[in-house]
PDB file of N, CA and C in Angstrom:
ATOM      1  N   MET A   1      96.188 126.425  90.829  1.00  0.00           N
ATOM      2  CA  MET A   1      95.352 126.144  92.284  1.00  0.00           C
ATOM      3  C   MET A   1      96.085 125.025  92.843  1.00  0.00           C
ATOM      4  N   PRO A   2      96.394 125.059  94.179  1.00  0.00           N
ATOM      5  CA  PRO A   2      96.893 123.968  94.843  1.00  0.00           C
ATOM      6  C   PRO A   2      96.091 122.685  94.737  1.00  0.00           C
ATOM      7  N   THR A   3      97.095 121.540  94.798  1.00  0.00           N
ATOM      8  CA  THR A   3      96.694 120.426  94.817  1.00  0.00           C
ATOM      9  C   THR A   3      96.773 119.765  96.257  1.00  0.00           C
ATOM     10  N   PHE A   4      95.635 118.953  96.905  1.00  0.00           N
ATOM     11  CA  PHE A   4      95.811 118.275  98.222  1.00  0.00           C
ATOM     12  C   PHE A   4      95.484 116.839  98.028  1.00  0.00           C
ATOM     13  N   ILE A   5      96.276 116.168  99.052  1.00  0.00           N
ATOM     14  CA  ILE A   5      95.695 114.614  99.459  1.00  0.00           C
ATOM     15  C   ILE A   5      95.083 114.707 100.502  1.00  0.00           C
ATOM     16  N   ILE A   6      93.908 114.262 100.532  1.00  0.00           N
ATOM     17  CA  ILE A   6      93.031 114.012 101.928  1.00  0.00           C
ATOM     18  C   ILE A   6      93.133 112.741 102.143  1.00  0.00           C
ATOM     19  N   GLU A   7      93.499 112.192 103.453  1.00  0.00           N
ATOM     20  CA  GLU A   7      93.301 111.010 104.061  1.00  0.00           C
ATOM     21  C   GLU A   7      92.180 110.982 104.767  1.00  0.00           C
ATOM     22  N   ARG A   8      91.278 109.938 104.517  1.00  0.00           N
ATOM     23  CA  ARG A   8      89.961 109.881 105.160  1.00  0.00           C
ATOM     24  C   ARG A   8      89.951 108.621 106.076  1.00  0.00           C
ATOM     25  N   ASP A   9      89.898 108.429 107.233  1.00  0.00           N
ATOM     26  CA  ASP A   9      89.868 107.251 108.062  1.00  0.00           C
ATOM     27  C   ASP A   9      88.459 106.735 108.051  1.00  0.00           C
ATOM     28  N   ILE A  10      87.935 105.654 107.396  1.00  0.00           N
ATOM     29  CA  ILE A  10      86.577 105.135 107.407  1.00  0.00           C
ATOM     30  C   ILE A  10      86.443 103.681 107.540  1.00  0.00           C
ATOM     31  N   PRO A  11      86.644 103.174 109.007  1.00  0.00           N
ATOM     32  CA  PRO A  11      86.616 101.675 109.185  1.00  0.00           C
ATOM     33  C   PRO A  11      85.763 101.101 108.066  1.00  0.00           C
ATOM     34  N   GLY A  12      86.313  99.973 107.604  1.00  0.00           N
ATOM     35  CA  GLY A  12      85.454  99.152 106.565  1.00  0.00           C
ATOM     36  C   GLY A  12      85.367  99.779 105.026  1.00  0.00           C
ATOM     37  N   ALA A  13      86.135 100.894 104.832  1.00  0.00           N
ATOM     38  CA  ALA A  13      86.246 101.524 103.777  1.00  0.00           C
ATOM     39  C   ALA A  13      86.086 100.519 102.454  1.00  0.00           C
ATOM     40  N   HIS A  14      87.088  99.545 102.535  1.00  0.00           N
ATOM     41  CA  HIS A  14      87.088  98.463 101.475  1.00  0.00           C
ATOM     42  C   HIS A  14      85.955  97.427 101.132  1.00  0.00           C
ATOM     43  N   LYS A  15      85.106  97.751 102.131  1.00  0.00           N
ATOM     44  CA  LYS A  15      83.742  96.663 102.064  1.00  0.00           C
ATOM     45  C   LYS A  15      82.535  97.554 101.531  1.00  0.00           C
ATOM     46  N   LEU A  16      82.570  99.065 101.213  1.00  0.00           N
ATOM     47  CA  LEU A  16      81.609  99.893 100.693  1.00  0.00           C
ATOM     48  C   LEU A  16      81.404  99.185  99.364  1.00  0.00           C
ATOM     49  N   THR A  17      80.067  99.211  99.261  1.00  0.00           N
ATOM     50  CA  THR A  17      79.416  98.676  97.744  1.00  0.00           C
ATOM     51  C   THR A  17      79.500  99.557  96.817  1.00  0.00           C
ATOM     52  N   ALA A  18      79.287  99.305  95.754  1.00  0.00           N
ATOM     53  CA  ALA A  18      79.210 100.193  94.449  1.00  0.00           C
ATOM     54  C   ALA A  18      78.018 101.361  94.763  1.00  0.00           C
ATOM     55  N   GLU A  19      76.898 101.004  95.163  1.00  0.00           N
ATOM     56  CA  GLU A  19      75.886 101.838  95.787  1.00  0.00           C
ATOM     57  C   GLU A  19      76.416 102.926  96.754  1.00  0.00           C
ATOM     58  N   ASN A  20      77.145 102.319  97.939  1.00  0.00           N
ATOM     59  CA  ASN A  20      77.655 103.489  98.743  1.00  0.00           C
ATOM     60  C   ASN A  20      78.398 104.137  98.142  1.00  0.00           C
ATOM     61  N   LEU A  21      79.562 103.865  97.477  1.00  0.00           N
ATOM     62  CA  LEU A  21      80.433 104.829  96.736  1.00  0.00           C
ATOM     63  C   LEU A  21      79.492 105.861  95.943  1.00  0.00           C
ATOM     64  N   CYS A  22      78.586 105.263  95.119  1.00  0.00           N
ATOM     65  CA  CYS A  22      77.898 106.149  94.434  1.00  0.00           C
ATOM     66  C   CYS A  22      77.218 107.099  95.339  1.00  0.00           C
ATOM     67  N   GLU A  23      76.720 106.883  96.300  1.00  0.00           N
ATOM     68  CA  GLU A  23      76.072 107.919  97.222  1.00  0.00           C
ATOM     69  C   GLU A  23      76.896 108.954  97.822  1.00  0.00           C
ATOM     70  N   ILE A  24      78.226 108.491  98.243  1.00  0.00           N
ATOM     71  CA  ILE A  24      79.374 109.311  98.574  1.00  0.00           C
ATOM     72  C   ILE A  24      79.698 110.297  97.582  1.00  0.00           C
ATOM     73  N   SER A  25      79.929 109.884  96.350  1.00  0.00           N
ATOM     74  CA  SER A  25      80.204 110.599  95.322  1.00  0.00           C
ATOM     75  C   SER A  25      79.351 111.665  95.068  1.00  0.00           C
ATOM     76  N   ALA A  26      78.055 111.344  95.090  1.00  0.00           N
ATOM     77  CA  ALA A  26      76.941 112.265  94.716  1.00  0.00           C
ATOM     78  C   ALA A  26      76.887 113.206  95.800  1.00  0.00           C
ATOM     79  N   LYS A  27      77.050 113.047  96.967  1.00  0.00           N
ATOM     80  CA  LYS A  27      77.148 113.913  98.292  1.00  0.00           C
ATOM     81  C   LYS A  27      78.367 114.635  97.963  1.00  0.00           C
ATOM     82  N   SER A  28      79.434 114.295  97.471  1.00  0.00           N
ATOM     83  CA  SER A  28      80.545 115.288  97.401  1.00  0.00           C
ATOM     84  C   SER A  28      80.374 116.345  96.218  1.00  0.00           C
ATOM     85  N   ASN A  29      79.814 115.605  95.042  1.00  0.00           N
ATOM     86  CA  ASN A  29      79.640 116.575  93.761  1.00  0.00           C
ATOM     87  C   ASN A  29      78.579 117.701  94.292  1.00  0.00           C
ATOM     88  N   GLU A  30      77.596 117.135  95.223  1.00  0.00           N
ATOM     89  CA  GLU A  30      76.535 118.276  95.638  1.00  0.00           C
ATOM     90  C   GLU A  30      77.011 119.428  96.328  1.00  0.00           C
ATOM     91  N   VAL A  31      78.124 119.001  97.394  1.00  0.00           N
ATOM     92  CA  VAL A  31      78.652 119.841  98.175  1.00  0.00           C
ATOM     93  C   VAL A  31      79.624 120.852  97.331  1.00  0.00           C
ATOM     94  N   VAL A  32      80.448 120.222  96.368  1.00  0.00           N
ATOM     95  CA  VAL A  32      81.457 120.883  95.493  1.00  0.00           C
ATOM     96  C   VAL A  32      80.676 121.926  94.628  1.00  0.00           C
ATOM     97  N   SER A  33      79.193 121.555  94.270  1.00  0.00           N
ATOM     98  CA  SER A  33      78.788 122.631  93.236  1.00  0.00           C
ATOM     99  C   SER A  33      78.045 123.778  94.138  1.00  0.00           C
ATOM    100  N   GLY A  34      78.107 123.608  95.510  1.00  0.00           N
ATOM    101  CA  GLY A  34      77.402 124.354  96.483  1.00  0.00           C
ATOM    102  C   GLY A  34      78.369 125.325  96.941  1.00  0.00           C
ATOM    103  N   LEU A  35      79.821 125.122  96.879  1.00  0.00           N
ATOM    104  CA  LEU A  35      80.831 126.093  97.336  1.00  0.00           C
ATOM    105  C   LEU A  35      81.104 127.384  96.464  1.00  0.00           C
ATOM    106  N   ASP A  36      81.563 128.276  97.264  1.00  0.00           N
ATOM    107  CA  ASP A  36      81.544 129.524  96.310  1.00  0.00           C
ATOM    108  C   ASP A  36      82.923 129.946  96.216  1.00  0.00           C
ATOM    109  N   VAL A  37      83.863 128.753  95.851  1.00  0.00           N
ATOM    110  CA  VAL A  37      85.403 128.874  95.421  1.00  0.00           C
ATOM    111  C   VAL A  37      85.610 128.089  94.604  1.00  0.00           C
ATOM    112  N   PRO A  38      86.551 128.172  93.843  1.00  0.00           N
ATOM    113  CA  PRO A  38      87.015 127.228  92.580  1.00  0.00           C
ATOM    114  C   PRO A  38      87.425 125.958  93.259  1.00  0.00           C
ATOM    115  N   TYR A  39      86.689 124.717  93.024  1.00  0.00           N
ATOM    116  CA  TYR A  39      87.198 123.477  93.698  1.00  0.00           C
ATOM    117  C   TYR A  39      86.958 122.435  92.621  1.00  0.00           C
ATOM    118  N   LYS A  40      87.797 121.437  92.549  1.00  0.00           N
ATOM    119  CA  LYS A  40      87.955 120.268  91.691  1.00  0.00           C
ATOM    120  C   LYS A  40      88.380 118.974  92.569  1.00  0.00           C
ATOM    121  N   TRP A  41      87.317 118.196  92.572  1.00  0.00           N
ATOM    122  CA  TRP A  41      87.763 116.923  93.089  1.00  0.00           C
ATOM    123  C   TRP A  41      88.338 116.064  91.702  1.00  0.00           C
ATOM    124  N   ILE A  42      89.472 115.456  92.012  1.00  0.00           N
ATOM    125  CA  ILE A  42      90.176 115.027  90.851  1.00  0.00           C
ATOM    126  C   ILE A  42      90.054 113.298  90.640  1.00  0.00           C
ATOM    127  N   THR A  43      90.188 112.626  92.052  1.00  0.00           N
ATOM    128  CA  THR A  43      89.964 111.231  92.045  1.00  0.00           C
ATOM    129  C   THR A  43      90.085 110.728  93.549  1.00  0.00           C
ATOM    130  N   SER A  44      89.668 109.436  93.839  1.00  0.00           N
ATOM    131  CA  SER A  44      89.816 108.988  95.120  1.00  0.00           C
ATOM    132  C   SER A  44      90.132 107.536  95.015  1.00  0.00           C
ATOM    133  N   TYR A  45      90.840 107.200  95.950  1.00  0.00           N
ATOM    134  CA  TYR A  45      91.331 105.830  96.101  1.00  0.00           C
ATOM    135  C   TYR A  45      90.816 105.372  97.429  1.00  0.00           C
ATOM    136  N   VAL A  46      90.088 104.052  97.259  1.00  0.00           N
ATOM    137  CA  VAL A  46      89.688 103.168  98.513  1.00  0.00           C
ATOM    138  C   VAL A  46      90.796 102.156  98.661  1.00  0.00           C
ATOM    139  N   ALA A  47      91.413 102.157  99.926  1.00  0.00           N
ATOM    140  CA  ALA A  47      92.347 101.236 100.487  1.00  0.00           C
ATOM    141  C   ALA A  47      92.411 100.970 101.723  1.00  0.00           C
ATOM    142  N   GLY A  48      92.035  99.457 102.069  1.00  0.00           N
ATOM    143  CA  GLY A  48      91.631  99.194 103.362  1.00  0.00           C
ATOM    144  C   GLY A  48      90.752 100.090 104.130  1.00  0.00           C
ATOM    145  N   ASP A  49      91.285 100.606 105.183  1.00  0.00           N
ATOM    146  CA  ASP A  49      90.145 101.388 105.944  1.00  0.00           C
ATOM    147  C   ASP A  49      90.130 102.940 105.895  1.00  0.00           C
ATOM    148  N   LYS A  50      90.412 103.191 104.529  1.00  0.00           N
ATOM    149  CA  LYS A  50      90.942 104.869 104.444  1.00  0.00           C
ATOM    150  C   LYS A  50      90.470 104.942 102.745  1.00  0.00           C
ATOM    151  N   ILE A  51      90.096 106.356 102.962  1.00  0.00           N
ATOM    152  CA  ILE A  51      89.999 106.685 101.272  1.00  0.00           C
ATOM    153  C   ILE A  51      90.793 108.030 100.921  1.00  0.00           C
ATOM    154  N   TYR A  52      91.745 107.676 100.175  1.00  0.00           N
ATOM    155  CA  TYR A  52      92.621 108.861  99.675  1.00  0.00           C
ATOM    156  C   TYR A  52      92.238 109.667  98.575  1.00  0.00           C
ATOM    157  N   CYS A  53      91.756 110.924  98.733  1.00  0.00           N
ATOM    158  CA  CYS A  53      91.419 111.709  97.639  1.00  0.00           C
ATOM    159  C   CYS A  53      92.279 113.047  97.203  1.00  0.00           C
ATOM    160  N   VAL A  54      92.190 113.249  96.064  1.00  0.00           N
ATOM    161  CA  VAL A  54      93.163 114.254  95.550  1.00  0.00           C
ATOM    162  C   VAL A  54      92.135 115.285  95.123  1.00  0.00           C
ATOM    163  N   HIS A  55      92.195 116.592  95.690  1.00  0.00           N
ATOM    164  CA  HIS A  55      91.293 117.641  95.118  1.00  0.00           C
ATOM    165  C   HIS A  55      92.131 118.916  94.859  1.00  0.00           C
ATOM    166  N   GLU A  56      91.637 119.644  94.075  1.00  0.00           N
ATOM    167  CA  GLU A  56      92.233 121.000  93.912  1.00  0.00           C
ATOM    168  C   GLU A  56      91.348 122.361  94.490  1.00  0.00           C
ATOM    169  N   ALA A  57      92.054 123.127  95.353  1.00  0.00           N
ATOM    170  CA  ALA A  57      91.319 123.923  96.008  1.00  0.00           C
ATOM    171  C   ALA A  57      92.075 125.128  96.569  1.00  0.00           C
ATOM    172  N   PRO A  58      91.621 126.269  96.604  1.00  0.00           N
ATOM    173  CA  PRO A  58      92.464 127.425  96.968  1.00  0.00           C
ATOM    174  C   PRO A  58      93.288 127.181  98.221  1.00  0.00           C
ATOM    175  N   SER A  59      92.577 126.445  99.227  1.00  0.00           N
ATOM    176  CA  SER A  59      93.375 126.296 100.502  1.00  0.00           C
ATOM    177  C   SER A  59      92.762 125.121 101.252  1.00  0.00           C
ATOM    178  N   ALA A  60      93.627 124.628 102.212  1.00  0.00           N
ATOM    179  CA  ALA A  60      93.238 123.478 103.121  1.00  0.00           C
ATOM    180  C   ALA A  60      91.920 123.781 103.841  1.00  0.00           C
ATOM    181  N   ASP A  61      91.824 125.061 104.245  1.00  0.00           N
ATOM    182  CA  ASP A  61      90.527 125.306 104.822  1.00  0.00           C
ATOM    183  C   ASP A  61      89.215 125.112 103.780  1.00  0.00           C
ATOM    184  N   ASP A  62      89.295 125.230 102.612  1.00  0.00           N
ATOM    185  CA  ASP A  62      88.258 125.095 101.740  1.00  0.00           C
ATOM    186  C   ASP A  62      88.162 123.474 101.721  1.00  0.00           C
ATOM    187  N   ILE A  63      89.184 122.729 101.875  1.00  0.00           N
ATOM    188  CA  ILE A  63      89.088 121.161 101.642  1.00  0.00           C
ATOM    189  C   ILE A  63      88.192 120.898 103.213  1.00  0.00           C
ATOM    190  N   ARG A  64      88.631 121.540 104.284  1.00  0.00           N
ATOM    191  CA  ARG A  64      87.962 121.216 105.456  1.00  0.00           C
ATOM    192  C   ARG A  64      86.331 121.458 105.341  1.00  0.00           C
ATOM    193  N   ARG A  65      86.162 122.663 104.808  1.00  0.00           N
ATOM    194  CA  ARG A  65      84.656 122.926 104.612  1.00  0.00           C
ATOM    195  C   ARG A  65      83.907 122.082 103.732  1.00  0.00           C
ATOM    196  N   HIS A  66      84.697 121.521 102.780  1.00  0.00           N
ATOM    197  CA  HIS A  66      83.830 120.552 101.887  1.00  0.00           C
ATOM    198  C   HIS A  66      83.639 119.318 102.750  1.00  0.00           C
ATOM    199  N   ALA A  67      84.692 118.984 103.645  1.00  0.00           N
ATOM    200  CA  ALA A  67      84.412 117.898 104.501  1.00  0.00           C
ATOM    201  C   ALA A  67      83.241 118.072 105.151  1.00  0.00           C
ATOM    202  N   GLU A  68      83.409 119.169 106.040  1.00  0.00           N
ATOM    203  CA  GLU A  68      82.272 119.231 107.171  1.00  0.00           C
ATOM    204  C   GLU A  68      80.794 119.381 106.323  1.00  0.00           C
ATOM    205  N   LEU A  69      80.727 120.073 105.116  1.00  0.00           N
ATOM    206  CA  LEU A  69      79.603 120.087 104.422  1.00  0.00           C
ATOM    207  C   LEU A  69      78.937 118.941 104.193  1.00  0.00           C
ATOM    208  N   GLY A  70      79.840 117.863 103.672  1.00  0.00           N
ATOM    209  CA  GLY A  70      79.562 116.620 103.208  1.00  0.00           C
ATOM    210  C   GLY A  70      79.457 115.451 104.339  1.00  0.00           C
ATOM    211  N   ASP A  71      79.746 116.068 105.626  1.00  0.00           N
ATOM    212  CA  ASP A  71      80.013 115.000 106.794  1.00  0.00           C
ATOM    213  C   ASP A  71      81.076 113.885 106.334  1.00  0.00           C
ATOM    214  N   PHE A  72      82.052 114.152 105.891  1.00  0.00           N
ATOM    215  CA  PHE A  72      83.253 113.027 105.438  1.00  0.00           C
ATOM    216  C   PHE A  72      84.195 113.556 106.582  1.00  0.00           C
ATOM    217  N   PRO A  73      84.920 112.688 106.913  1.00  0.00           N
ATOM    218  CA  PRO A  73      86.227 112.895 107.584  1.00  0.00           C
ATOM    219  C   PRO A  73      87.280 113.368 106.793  1.00  0.00           C
ATOM    220  N   ALA A  74      87.993 114.282 107.192  1.00  0.00           N
ATOM    221  CA  ALA A  74      89.204 114.491 106.423  1.00  0.00           C
ATOM    222  C   ALA A  74      90.384 114.533 107.538  1.00  0.00           C
ATOM    223  N   ASN A  75      91.117 113.533 108.087  1.00  0.00           N
ATOM    224  CA  ASN A  75      91.814 113.232 109.087  1.00  0.00           C
ATOM    225  C   ASN A  75      93.190 113.880 108.796  1.00  0.00           C
ATOM    226  N   LYS A  76      93.391 114.004 107.549  1.00  0.00           N
ATOM    227  CA  LYS A  76      95.071 114.637 107.104  1.00  0.00           C
ATOM    228  C   LYS A  76      94.756 115.058 105.851  1.00  0.00           C
ATOM    229  N   ILE A  77      95.323 116.340 105.772  1.00  0.00           N
ATOM    230  CA  ILE A  77      95.127 117.214 104.538  1.00  0.00           C
ATOM    231  C   ILE A  77      96.751 117.669 104.170  1.00  0.00           C
ATOM    232  N   THR A  78      97.105 117.323 103.259  1.00  0.00           N
ATOM    233  CA  THR A  78      98.494 117.736 102.812  1.00  0.00           C
ATOM    234  C   THR A  78      98.769 118.284 101.471  1.00  0.00           C
ATOM    235  N   GLU A  79      99.241 119.286 101.227  1.00  0.00           N
ATOM    236  CA  GLU A  79      99.400 119.960  99.956  1.00  0.00           C
ATOM    237  C   GLU A  79     100.482 119.202  99.253  1.00  0.00           C
ATOM    238  N   VAL A  80     100.222 118.915  97.874  1.00  0.00           N
ATOM    239  CA  VAL A  80     101.342 118.469  96.975  1.00  0.00           C
ATOM    240  C   VAL A  80     102.252 119.661  96.726  1.00  0.00           C
ATOM    241  N   SER A  81     103.432 119.211  96.661  1.00  0.00           N
ATOM    242  CA  SER A  81     104.589 120.226  96.430  1.00  0.00           C
ATOM    243  C   SER A  81     105.344 119.693  95.117  1.00  0.00           C
ATOM    244  N   ALA A  82     104.874 118.586  94.446  1.00  0.00           N
ATOM    245  CA  ALA A  82     105.544 117.884  93.188  1.00  0.00           C
ATOM    246  C   ALA A  82     104.764 116.897  92.916  1.00  0.00           C
ATOM    247  N   ILE A  83     104.873 116.712  91.408  1.00  0.00           N
ATOM    248  CA  ILE A  83     104.221 115.290  91.041  1.00  0.00           C
ATOM    249  C   ILE A  83     105.363 114.740  90.236  1.00  0.00           C
ATOM    250  N   ILE A  84     105.604 113.375  90.199  1.00  0.00           N
ATOM    251  CA  ILE A  84     106.515 112.586  89.629  1.00  0.00           C
ATOM    252  C   ILE A  84     105.954 111.473  88.905  1.00  0.00           C
ATOM    253  N   GLY A  85     106.665 110.931  88.000  1.00  0.00           N
ATOM    254  CA  GLY A  85     106.125 109.491  87.405  1.00  0.00           C
ATOM    255  C   GLY A  85     107.348 109.138  86.504  1.00  0.00           C
ATOM    256  N   PRO A  86     107.158 108.034  86.007  1.00  0.00           N
ATOM    257  CA  PRO A  86     108.269 107.400  85.172  1.00  0.00           C
ATOM    258  C   PRO A  86     109.014 108.423  84.116  1.00  0.00           C
ATOM    259  N   GLU A  87     108.087 109.350  83.739  1.00  0.00           N
ATOM    260  CA  GLU A  87     108.676 110.169  82.570  1.00  0.00           C
ATOM    261  C   GLU A  87     109.597 111.345  83.348  1.00  0.00           C
ATOM    262  N   THR A  88     109.414 111.290  84.585  1.00  0.00           N
ATOM    263  CA  THR A  88     110.341 112.574  85.253  1.00  0.00           C
ATOM    264  C   THR A  88     111.846 111.973  85.000  1.00  0.00           C
ATOM    265  N   ALA A  89     112.232 110.835  85.099  1.00  0.00           N
ATOM    266  CA  ALA A  89     113.458 110.440  84.650  1.00  0.00           C
ATOM    267  C   ALA A  89     114.186 110.656  83.550  1.00  0.00           C
ATOM    268  N   ALA A  90     113.268 110.914  82.372  1.00  0.00           N
ATOM    269  CA  ALA A  90     113.817 111.356  81.173  1.00  0.00           C
ATOM    270  C   ALA A  90     114.188 112.848  81.242  1.00  0.00           C
ATOM    271  N   SER A  91     113.587 113.758  82.180  1.00  0.00           N
ATOM    272  CA  SER A  91     114.116 115.165  82.182  1.00  0.00           C
ATOM    273  C   SER A  91     115.324 115.489  83.103  1.00  0.00           C
ATOM    274  N   ALA A  92     115.828 114.319  83.670  1.00  0.00           N
ATOM    275  CA  ALA A  92     117.033 114.781  84.684  1.00  0.00           C
ATOM    276  C   ALA A  92     118.117 115.467  83.734  1.00  0.00           C
ATOM    277  N   PRO A  93     118.684 116.267  84.584  1.00  0.00           N
ATOM    278  CA  PRO A  93     119.930 117.275  83.909  1.00  0.00           C
ATOM    279  C   PRO A  93     120.949 116.456  83.347  1.00  0.00           C
TER     280      PRO A  93
END
């Protein structure tokens, strides 16, 4: 299943409280459980005035639908084409 990075512009995101983040997470989980497609929220990162989310879904349209139903912004949706990390250097030809 494709993996997507979702960039969400949320002014003051870095000031969200643990309670706020819990509420956002609960809403996202609720929306995911109601979707009629395979969908997995992997993780999210709060950084400055943005939240960057990593989700697996059949398409970018499904990501948009999740955002609309959850009342979350989805300012930029990008499909991941490759994953690399420190171990990637060890597999060089």
